[in-house]
PDB file of N, CA and C in Angstrom:
ATOM      1  N   MET A   1       0.845  -1.180   0.000  1.00  0.00           N
ATOM      2  CA  MET A   1       0.000   0.000   0.000  1.00  0.00           C
ATOM      3  C   MET A   1       0.884   1.235   0.000  1.00  0.00           C
ATOM      4  N   GLY A   2       0.329   2.354  -0.327  1.00  0.00           N
ATOM      5  CA  GLY A   2       1.136   3.560  -0.450  1.00  0.00           C
ATOM      6  C   GLY A   2       1.710   3.631  -1.854  1.00  0.00           C
ATOM      7  N   LEU A   3       2.959   4.039  -1.960  1.00  0.00           N
ATOM      8  CA  LEU A   3       3.605   4.111  -3.270  1.00  0.00           C
ATOM      9  C   LEU A   3       3.928   2.716  -3.789  1.00  0.00           C
ATOM     10  N   ALA A   4       3.689   2.518  -5.071  1.00  0.00           N
ATOM     11  CA  ALA A   4       4.015   1.242  -5.711  1.00  0.00           C
ATOM     12  C   ALA A   4       5.532   1.118  -5.837  1.00  0.00           C
ATOM     13  N   PRO A   5       6.051  -0.101  -5.795  1.00  0.00           N
ATOM     14  CA  PRO A   5       7.490  -0.286  -6.003  1.00  0.00           C
ATOM     15  C   PRO A   5       7.914   0.323  -7.338  1.00  0.00           C
ATOM     16  N   GLY A   6       9.075   0.960  -7.342  1.00  0.00           N
ATOM     17  CA  GLY A   6       9.576   1.579  -8.565  1.00  0.00           C
ATOM     18  C   GLY A   6       9.042   2.974  -8.814  1.00  0.00           C
ATOM     19  N   THR A   7       8.368   3.563  -7.817  1.00  0.00           N
ATOM     20  CA  THR A   7       7.854   4.924  -7.961  1.00  0.00           C
ATOM     21  C   THR A   7       8.291   5.769  -6.768  1.00  0.00           C
ATOM     22  N   ARG A   8       8.223   7.087  -6.940  1.00  0.00           N
ATOM     23  CA  ARG A   8       8.527   8.024  -5.858  1.00  0.00           C
ATOM     24  C   ARG A   8       7.800   9.332  -6.129  1.00  0.00           C
ATOM     25  N   TYR A   9       7.809  10.208  -5.134  1.00  0.00           N
ATOM     26  CA  TYR A   9       7.207  11.530  -5.303  1.00  0.00           C
ATOM     27  C   TYR A   9       8.230  12.475  -5.916  1.00  0.00           C
ATOM     28  N   ARG A  10       7.725  13.453  -6.675  1.00  0.00           N
ATOM     29  CA  ARG A  10       8.557  14.531  -7.219  1.00  0.00           C
ATOM     30  C   ARG A  10       7.735  15.801  -7.247  1.00  0.00           C
ATOM     31  N   CYS A  11       8.324  16.897  -6.766  1.00  0.00           N
ATOM     32  CA  CYS A  11       7.658  18.194  -6.811  1.00  0.00           C
ATOM     33  C   CYS A  11       8.016  18.877  -8.122  1.00  0.00           C
ATOM     34  N   ALA A  12       7.011  19.181  -8.924  1.00  0.00           N
ATOM     35  CA  ALA A  12       7.238  19.816 -10.221  1.00  0.00           C
ATOM     36  C   ALA A  12       7.643  21.282 -10.065  1.00  0.00           C
ATOM     37  N   GLN A  13       7.323  21.900  -8.921  1.00  0.00           N
ATOM     38  CA  GLN A  13       7.654  23.315  -8.732  1.00  0.00           C
ATOM     39  C   GLN A  13       9.120  23.533  -8.401  1.00  0.00           C
ATOM     40  N   CYS A  14       9.668  22.721  -7.483  1.00  0.00           N
ATOM     41  CA  CYS A  14      11.045  22.973  -7.038  1.00  0.00           C
ATOM     42  C   CYS A  14      12.001  21.817  -7.330  1.00  0.00           C
ATOM     43  N   GLY A  15      11.493  20.672  -7.794  1.00  0.00           N
ATOM     44  CA  GLY A  15      12.347  19.539  -8.130  1.00  0.00           C
ATOM     45  C   GLY A  15      12.654  18.598  -6.976  1.00  0.00           C
ATOM     46  N   ASN A  16      12.104  18.853  -5.800  1.00  0.00           N
ATOM     47  CA  ASN A  16      12.336  18.023  -4.624  1.00  0.00           C
ATOM     48  C   ASN A  16      11.979  16.566  -4.907  1.00  0.00           C
ATOM     49  N   LEU A  17      12.858  15.653  -4.471  1.00  0.00           N
ATOM     50  CA  LEU A  17      12.608  14.216  -4.597  1.00  0.00           C
ATOM     51  C   LEU A  17      12.632  13.498  -3.248  1.00  0.00           C
ATOM     52  N   THR A  18      12.954  14.216  -2.166  1.00  0.00           N
ATOM     53  CA  THR A  18      13.258  13.521  -0.913  1.00  0.00           C
ATOM     54  C   THR A  18      12.468  13.946   0.312  1.00  0.00           C
ATOM     55  N   ARG A  19      11.828  15.102   0.343  1.00  0.00           N
ATOM     56  CA  ARG A  19      11.185  15.589   1.567  1.00  0.00           C
ATOM     57  C   ARG A  19       9.728  15.961   1.300  1.00  0.00           C
ATOM     58  N   PHE A  20       8.813  15.174   1.886  1.00  0.00           N
ATOM     59  CA  PHE A  20       7.384  15.412   1.693  1.00  0.00           C
ATOM     60  C   PHE A  20       6.639  15.169   2.993  1.00  0.00           C
ATOM     61  N   ASP A  21       5.603  15.947   3.230  1.00  0.00           N
ATOM     62  CA  ASP A  21       4.674  15.697   4.328  1.00  0.00           C
ATOM     63  C   ASP A  21       3.525  14.895   3.740  1.00  0.00           C
ATOM     64  N   VAL A  22       3.333  13.679   4.222  1.00  0.00           N
ATOM     65  CA  VAL A  22       2.300  12.786   3.702  1.00  0.00           C
ATOM     66  C   VAL A  22       1.278  12.558   4.810  1.00  0.00           C
ATOM     67  N   ARG A  23       0.041  13.017   4.579  1.00  0.00           N
ATOM     68  CA  ARG A  23      -1.031  12.827   5.557  1.00  0.00           C
ATOM     69  C   ARG A  23      -1.856  11.622   5.120  1.00  0.00           C
ATOM     70  N   THR A  24      -2.004  10.652   6.034  1.00  0.00           N
ATOM     71  CA  THR A  24      -2.706   9.413   5.712  1.00  0.00           C
ATOM     72  C   THR A  24      -3.772   9.099   6.750  1.00  0.00           C
ATOM     73  N   THR A  25      -4.714   8.262   6.346  1.00  0.00           N
ATOM     74  CA  THR A  25      -5.648   7.613   7.258  1.00  0.00           C
ATOM     75  C   THR A  25      -5.371   6.124   7.136  1.00  0.00           C
ATOM     76  N   GLU A  26      -5.126   5.474   8.282  1.00  0.00           N
ATOM     77  CA  GLU A  26      -4.752   4.063   8.272  1.00  0.00           C
ATOM     78  C   GLU A  26      -5.674   3.254   9.173  1.00  0.00           C
ATOM     79  N   ARG A  27      -5.914   2.020   8.764  1.00  0.00           N
ATOM     80  CA  ARG A  27      -6.627   1.051   9.599  1.00  0.00           C
ATOM     81  C   ARG A  27      -5.687  -0.127   9.774  1.00  0.00           C
ATOM     82  N   LEU A  28      -5.337  -0.445  11.033  1.00  0.00           N
ATOM     83  CA  LEU A  28      -4.329  -1.452  11.334  1.00  0.00           C
ATOM     84  C   LEU A  28      -4.882  -2.532  12.236  1.00  0.00           C
ATOM     85  N   SER A  29      -4.260  -3.699  12.161  1.00  0.00           N
ATOM     86  CA  SER A  29      -4.452  -4.755  13.158  1.00  0.00           C
ATOM     87  C   SER A  29      -3.092  -4.972  13.797  1.00  0.00           C
ATOM     88  N   ARG A  30      -3.050  -4.967  15.130  1.00  0.00           N
ATOM     89  CA  ARG A  30      -1.785  -5.150  15.839  1.00  0.00           C
ATOM     90  C   ARG A  30      -1.910  -6.270  16.857  1.00  0.00           C
ATOM     91  N   PHE A  31      -0.834  -7.038  16.991  1.00  0.00           N
ATOM     92  CA  PHE A  31      -0.710  -8.009  18.069  1.00  0.00           C
ATOM     93  C   PHE A  31       0.160  -7.357  19.134  1.00  0.00           C
ATOM     94  N   TRP A  32      -0.399  -7.209  20.328  1.00  0.00           N
ATOM     95  CA  TRP A  32       0.316  -6.577  21.434  1.00  0.00           C
ATOM     96  C   TRP A  32       0.779  -7.636  22.421  1.00  0.00           C
ATOM     97  N   HIS A  33       1.995  -7.465  22.936  1.00  0.00           N
ATOM     98  CA  HIS A  33       2.521  -8.308  24.004  1.00  0.00           C
ATOM     99  C   HIS A  33       2.632  -7.437  25.258  1.00  0.00           C
ATOM    100  N   PHE A  34       1.962  -7.857  26.317  1.00  0.00           N
ATOM    101  CA  PHE A  34       2.001  -7.129  27.582  1.00  0.00           C
ATOM    102  C   PHE A  34       2.815  -7.926  28.583  1.00  0.00           C
ATOM    103  N   ASP A  35       3.749  -7.238  29.276  1.00  0.00           N
ATOM    104  CA  ASP A  35       4.487  -7.934  30.331  1.00  0.00           C
ATOM    105  C   ASP A  35       3.657  -7.919  31.612  1.00  0.00           C
ATOM    106  N   LEU A  36       4.152  -8.547  32.645  1.00  0.00           N
ATOM    107  CA  LEU A  36       3.380  -8.685  33.878  1.00  0.00           C
ATOM    108  C   LEU A  36       3.116  -7.352  34.573  1.00  0.00           C
ATOM    109  N   SER A  37       3.927  -6.333  34.282  1.00  0.00           N
ATOM    110  CA  SER A  37       3.686  -5.016  34.877  1.00  0.00           C
ATOM    111  C   SER A  37       2.594  -4.250  34.141  1.00  0.00           C
ATOM    112  N   GLY A  38       2.195  -4.754  32.961  1.00  0.00           N
ATOM    113  CA  GLY A  38       1.155  -4.098  32.176  1.00  0.00           C
ATOM    114  C   GLY A  38       1.677  -3.253  31.029  1.00  0.00           C
ATOM    115  N   ALA A  39       2.999  -3.142  30.889  1.00  0.00           N
ATOM    116  CA  ALA A  39       3.576  -2.386  29.780  1.00  0.00           C
ATOM    117  C   ALA A  39       3.426  -3.197  28.497  1.00  0.00           C
ATOM    118  N   GLY A  40       2.913  -2.538  27.454  1.00  0.00           N
ATOM    119  CA  GLY A  40       2.660  -3.238  26.196  1.00  0.00           C
ATOM    120  C   GLY A  40       3.572  -2.790  25.076  1.00  0.00           C
ATOM    121  N   THR A  41       3.860  -3.725  24.188  1.00  0.00           N
ATOM    122  CA  THR A  41       4.667  -3.464  23.005  1.00  0.00           C
ATOM    123  C   THR A  41       4.021  -4.157  21.815  1.00  0.00           C
ATOM    124  N   PRO A  42       3.765  -3.414  20.713  1.00  0.00           N
ATOM    125  CA  PRO A  42       3.232  -4.095  19.528  1.00  0.00           C
ATOM    126  C   PRO A  42       4.323  -4.945  18.883  1.00  0.00           C
ATOM    127  N   GLU A  43       4.012  -6.220  18.625  1.00  0.00           N
ATOM    128  CA  GLU A  43       5.000  -7.123  18.034  1.00  0.00           C
ATOM    129  C   GLU A  43       4.729  -7.417  16.566  1.00  0.00           C
ATOM    130  N   GLU A  44       3.481  -7.366  16.161  1.00  0.00           N
ATOM    131  CA  GLU A  44       3.131  -7.586  14.758  1.00  0.00           C
ATOM    132  C   GLU A  44       2.128  -6.524  14.350  1.00  0.00           C
ATOM    133  N   GLN A  45       2.203  -6.122  13.093  1.00  0.00           N
ATOM    134  CA  GLN A  45       1.279  -5.114  12.587  1.00  0.00           C
ATOM    135  C   GLN A  45       0.904  -5.452  11.152  1.00  0.00           C
ATOM    136  N   GLU A  46      -0.362  -5.340  10.846  1.00  0.00           N
ATOM    137  CA  GLU A  46      -0.856  -5.561   9.485  1.00  0.00           C
ATOM    138  C   GLU A  46      -1.681  -4.347   9.084  1.00  0.00           C
ATOM    139  N   ILE A  47      -1.315  -3.730   7.965  1.00  0.00           N
ATOM    140  CA  ILE A  47      -2.074  -2.586   7.459  1.00  0.00           C
ATOM    141  C   ILE A  47      -3.272  -3.120   6.702  1.00  0.00           C
ATOM    142  N   ARG A  48      -4.463  -2.810   7.181  1.00  0.00           N
ATOM    143  CA  ARG A  48      -5.701  -3.269   6.551  1.00  0.00           C
ATOM    144  C   ARG A  48      -6.155  -2.314   5.454  1.00  0.00           C
ATOM    145  N   ASP A  49      -5.953  -1.024   5.685  1.00  0.00           N
ATOM    146  CA  ASP A  49      -6.384  -0.013   4.724  1.00  0.00           C
ATOM    147  C   ASP A  49      -5.489   1.206   4.900  1.00  0.00           C
ATOM    148  N   LEU A  50      -5.102   1.823   3.806  1.00  0.00           N
ATOM    149  CA  LEU A  50      -4.264   3.013   3.843  1.00  0.00           C
ATOM    150  C   LEU A  50      -4.758   3.974   2.782  1.00  0.00           C
ATOM    151  N   GLU A  51      -5.136   5.162   3.213  1.00  0.00           N
ATOM    152  CA  GLU A  51      -5.588   6.193   2.281  1.00  0.00           C
ATOM    153  C   GLU A  51      -4.648   7.383   2.400  1.00  0.00           C
ATOM    154  N   ILE A  52      -4.034   7.765   1.296  1.00  0.00           N
ATOM    155  CA  ILE A  52      -3.179   8.945   1.281  1.00  0.00           C
ATOM    156  C   ILE A  52      -4.079  10.139   1.002  1.00  0.00           C
ATOM    157  N   GLU A  53      -4.221  11.013   1.994  1.00  0.00           N
ATOM    158  CA  GLU A  53      -5.115  12.159   1.886  1.00  0.00           C
ATOM    159  C   GLU A  53      -4.452  13.346   1.193  1.00  0.00           C
ATOM    160  N   GLU A  54      -3.180  13.576   1.527  1.00  0.00           N
ATOM    161  CA  GLU A  54      -2.501  14.749   0.980  1.00  0.00           C
ATOM    162  C   GLU A  54      -0.997  14.531   1.008  1.00  0.00           C
ATOM    163  N   VAL A  55      -0.322  15.021  -0.031  1.00  0.00           N
ATOM    164  CA  VAL A  55       1.136  15.020  -0.073  1.00  0.00           C
ATOM    165  C   VAL A  55       1.567  16.444  -0.386  1.00  0.00           C
ATOM    166  N   ARG A  56       2.406  17.012   0.497  1.00  0.00           N
ATOM    167  CA  ARG A  56       2.895  18.374   0.317  1.00  0.00           C
ATOM    168  C   ARG A  56       4.418  18.356   0.300  1.00  0.00           C
ATOM    169  N   CYS A  57       4.983  19.185  -0.561  1.00  0.00           N
ATOM    170  CA  CYS A  57       6.430  19.336  -0.635  1.00  0.00           C
ATOM    171  C   CYS A  57       6.923  20.058   0.619  1.00  0.00           C
ATOM    172  N   ARG A  58       7.913  19.516   1.273  1.00  0.00           N
ATOM    173  CA  ARG A  58       8.461  20.127   2.485  1.00  0.00           C
ATOM    174  C   ARG A  58       9.267  21.378   2.145  1.00  0.00           C
ATOM    175  N   TRP A  59       9.837  21.453   0.939  1.00  0.00           N
ATOM    176  CA  TRP A  59      10.679  22.589   0.573  1.00  0.00           C
ATOM    177  C   TRP A  59       9.873  23.814   0.174  1.00  0.00           C
ATOM    178  N   CYS A  60       8.862  23.652  -0.688  1.00  0.00           N
ATOM    179  CA  CYS A  60       8.123  24.825  -1.178  1.00  0.00           C
ATOM    180  C   CYS A  60       6.666  24.836  -0.735  1.00  0.00           C
ATOM    181  N   ASN A  61       6.239  23.825   0.018  1.00  0.00           N
ATOM    182  CA  ASN A  61       4.906  23.740   0.633  1.00  0.00           C
ATOM    183  C   ASN A  61       3.764  23.651  -0.373  1.00  0.00           C
ATOM    184  N   THR A  62       4.034  23.200  -1.585  1.00  0.00           N
ATOM    185  CA  THR A  62       2.943  23.020  -2.536  1.00  0.00           C
ATOM    186  C   THR A  62       2.394  21.601  -2.434  1.00  0.00           C
ATOM    187  N   GLY A  63       1.106  21.463  -2.687  1.00  0.00           N
ATOM    188  CA  GLY A  63       0.493  20.147  -2.765  1.00  0.00           C
ATOM    189  C   GLY A  63       0.098  19.833  -4.191  1.00  0.00           C
ATOM    190  N   ASP A  64      -0.180  20.889  -4.959  1.00  0.00           N
ATOM    191  CA  ASP A  64      -0.650  20.711  -6.332  1.00  0.00           C
ATOM    192  C   ASP A  64       0.446  20.228  -7.276  1.00  0.00           C
ATOM    193  N   GLY A  65       1.697  20.539  -6.974  1.00  0.00           N
ATOM    194  CA  GLY A  65       2.781  20.202  -7.882  1.00  0.00           C
ATOM    195  C   GLY A  65       3.455  18.873  -7.602  1.00  0.00           C
ATOM    196  N   VAL A  66       2.975  18.121  -6.608  1.00  0.00           N
ATOM    197  CA  VAL A  66       3.608  16.851  -6.261  1.00  0.00           C
ATOM    198  C   VAL A  66       2.987  15.732  -7.089  1.00  0.00           C
ATOM    199  N   HIS A  67       3.844  14.974  -7.770  1.00  0.00           N
ATOM    200  CA  HIS A  67       3.388  13.890  -8.638  1.00  0.00           C
ATOM    201  C   HIS A  67       4.152  12.612  -8.316  1.00  0.00           C
ATOM    202  N   VAL A  68       3.567  11.485  -8.658  1.00  0.00           N
ATOM    203  CA  VAL A  68       4.245  10.197  -8.546  1.00  0.00           C
ATOM    204  C   VAL A  68       4.955   9.939  -9.868  1.00  0.00           C
ATOM    205  N   VAL A  69       6.264   9.646  -9.784  1.00  0.00           N
ATOM    206  CA  VAL A  69       7.064   9.371 -10.983  1.00  0.00           C
ATOM    207  C   VAL A  69       7.812   8.055 -10.789  1.00  0.00           C
ATOM    208  N   ARG A  70       8.284   7.481 -11.876  1.00  0.00           N
ATOM    209  CA  ARG A  70       9.057   6.241 -11.797  1.00  0.00           C
ATOM    210  C   ARG A  70      10.456   6.552 -11.274  1.00  0.00           C
ATOM    211  N   THR A  71      11.006   5.625 -10.509  1.00  0.00           N
ATOM    212  CA  THR A  71      12.379   5.779 -10.040  1.00  0.00           C
ATOM    213  C   THR A  71      13.335   5.378 -11.149  1.00  0.00           C
ATOM    214  N   PRO A  72      14.511   5.995 -11.189  1.00  0.00           N
ATOM    215  CA  PRO A  72      15.471   5.595 -12.214  1.00  0.00           C
ATOM    216  C   PRO A  72      15.962   4.177 -11.946  1.00  0.00           C
ATOM    217  N   GLY A  73      16.196   3.459 -13.004  1.00  0.00           N
ATOM    218  CA  GLY A  73      16.668   2.082 -12.869  1.00  0.00           C
ATOM    219  C   GLY A  73      17.201   1.584 -14.191  1.00  0.00           C
ATOM    220  N   PRO A  74      17.569   0.324 -14.261  1.00  0.00           N
ATOM    221  CA  PRO A  74      18.135  -0.244 -15.484  1.00  0.00           C
ATOM    222  C   PRO A  74      17.208  -0.101 -16.689  1.00  0.00           C
ATOM    223  N   GLU A  75      15.896  -0.302 -16.478  1.00  0.00           N
ATOM    224  CA  GLU A  75      14.971  -0.187 -17.607  1.00  0.00           C
ATOM    225  C   GLU A  75      14.874   1.244 -18.107  1.00  0.00           C
ATOM    226  N   ALA A  76      15.057   2.243 -17.219  1.00  0.00           N
ATOM    227  CA  ALA A  76      15.019   3.644 -17.632  1.00  0.00           C
ATOM    228  C   ALA A  76      16.262   3.987 -18.457  1.00  0.00           C
ATOM    229  N   ALA A  77      17.402   3.375 -18.155  1.00  0.00           N
ATOM    230  CA  ALA A  77      18.638   3.638 -18.888  1.00  0.00           C
ATOM    231  C   ALA A  77      18.581   3.065 -20.301  1.00  0.00           C
ATOM    232  N   ASP A  78      17.822   1.989 -20.487  1.00  0.00           N
ATOM    233  CA  ASP A  78      17.700   1.369 -21.812  1.00  0.00           C
ATOM    234  C   ASP A  78      16.830   2.178 -22.752  1.00  0.00           C
ATOM    235  N   ALA A  79      15.948   3.018 -22.221  1.00  0.00           N
ATOM    236  CA  ALA A  79      14.986   3.763 -23.047  1.00  0.00           C
ATOM    237  C   ALA A  79      15.635   4.914 -23.767  1.00  0.00           C
TER     238      ALA A  79
END
């Protein structure tokens, strides 16, 4: 869920490829382990649903200019 393998975000306004604020809504199932004192730690997690609500560029704060693009790789070099 989220970005497909081989893709990433890119800001068309400033060229940013690495810093984005991503706001999501998630539905999870977690297995919790509690010790005898009552302190709990999640040991397993399964994402049931993930909705990306908004992606904003951290550098120029635009949301409209952020797009999903393919990551460079061997197949991109052959083209």
